């Protein structure tokens, strides 16, 4: 959910099909640890610098969502990123 021009709130659904002997609180604390370790990666992203020129990068099958998103932004008249 966008909150400001460069900030948003993210909601995440997490489930598990393992570790049923651990309490929900232990599981939550583990997930919080993982998310905290990865936060710097997400917080340093600069979507406003994302090139919409698909020829500027080598894209792989795993990039399909990014490619679709960039094409959509370009159709909306964007020239770079999400700004």
Protein backbone atom coordinates (compact mmCIF):
# COMPACT_ATOMS: atom_id res chain seq x y z
CA UNK A 1 0.00 0.00 0.00
CA UNK A 2 1.64 3.29 -1.04
CA UNK A 3 2.13 5.64 1.91
CA UNK A 4 4.32 8.34 0.34
CA UNK A 5 5.98 8.92 -3.02
CA UNK A 6 8.90 6.70 -1.98
CA UNK A 7 7.42 4.60 0.80
CA UNK A 8 4.86 1.85 1.15
CA UNK A 9 3.42 -0.55 3.69
CA UNK A 10 3.68 -4.24 2.90
CA UNK A 11 1.46 -6.98 4.27
CA UNK A 12 2.66 -10.55 4.09
CA UNK A 13 0.92 -13.84 4.67
CA UNK A 14 3.22 -16.54 6.02
CA UNK A 15 2.34 -20.17 6.54
CA UNK A 16 4.25 -23.36 7.30
CA UNK A 17 3.97 -27.05 6.64
CA UNK A 18 6.81 -28.09 8.95
CA UNK A 19 8.06 -27.55 12.50
CA UNK A 20 4.72 -28.03 14.20
CA UNK A 21 6.55 -28.75 17.46
CA UNK A 22 7.64 -25.07 17.57
CA UNK A 23 5.24 -22.50 18.92
CA UNK A 24 3.74 -19.83 16.69
CA UNK A 25 5.78 -17.25 18.61
CA UNK A 26 9.05 -19.09 17.88
CA UNK A 27 8.11 -19.33 14.23
CA UNK A 28 7.26 -15.62 14.13
CA UNK A 29 10.55 -14.69 15.78
CA UNK A 30 12.46 -16.79 13.24
CA UNK A 31 10.65 -15.11 10.34
CA UNK A 32 11.29 -11.69 11.88
CA UNK A 33 15.01 -12.54 12.03
CA UNK A 34 15.08 -13.56 8.37
CA UNK A 35 13.16 -10.45 7.28
CA UNK A 36 15.46 -8.20 9.36
CA UNK A 37 18.53 -9.73 7.68
CA UNK A 38 17.08 -9.00 4.24
CA UNK A 39 15.64 -5.57 5.01
CA UNK A 40 18.75 -3.71 3.86
CA UNK A 41 18.46 -5.29 0.41
CA UNK A 42 14.91 -4.05 -0.02
CA UNK A 43 15.56 -0.67 1.59
CA UNK A 44 18.45 0.08 -0.78
CA UNK A 45 16.47 -0.57 -3.95
CA UNK A 46 15.90 2.46 -6.15
CA UNK A 47 12.82 1.69 -8.30
CA UNK A 48 12.89 5.21 -9.67
CA UNK A 49 16.15 4.24 -11.41
CA UNK A 50 14.73 1.06 -12.97
CA UNK A 51 15.26 1.15 -16.71
CA UNK A 52 12.20 0.35 -18.77
CA UNK A 53 14.43 -0.50 -21.74
CA UNK A 54 14.33 -4.30 -21.70
CA UNK A 55 17.37 -4.38 -24.01
CA UNK A 56 19.50 -2.66 -21.34
CA UNK A 57 19.73 -5.87 -19.29
CA UNK A 58 19.89 -9.59 -19.88
CA UNK A 59 16.56 -11.02 -18.72
CA UNK A 60 16.01 -14.64 -17.70
CA UNK A 61 12.85 -16.71 -17.22
CA UNK A 62 12.93 -15.81 -13.52
CA UNK A 63 12.52 -12.14 -14.51
CA UNK A 64 9.10 -12.64 -16.08
CA UNK A 65 7.24 -10.55 -13.47
CA UNK A 66 9.76 -7.73 -13.74
CA UNK A 67 9.49 -7.74 -17.53
CA UNK A 68 5.68 -7.64 -17.43
CA UNK A 69 5.80 -4.83 -14.83
CA UNK A 70 8.24 -2.78 -16.93
CA UNK A 71 6.14 -3.23 -20.07
CA UNK A 72 3.07 -2.09 -18.13
CA UNK A 73 4.88 1.00 -16.82
CA UNK A 74 6.00 1.80 -20.36
CA UNK A 75 2.42 1.43 -21.65
CA UNK A 76 1.34 3.94 -18.99
CA UNK A 77 3.84 6.42 -20.44
CA UNK A 78 6.63 5.92 -17.94
CA UNK A 79 10.23 6.40 -18.93
CA UNK A 80 12.03 5.02 -15.85
CA UNK A 81 11.11 3.17 -12.66
CA UNK A 82 8.01 3.84 -10.67
CA UNK A 83 8.07 7.62 -10.23
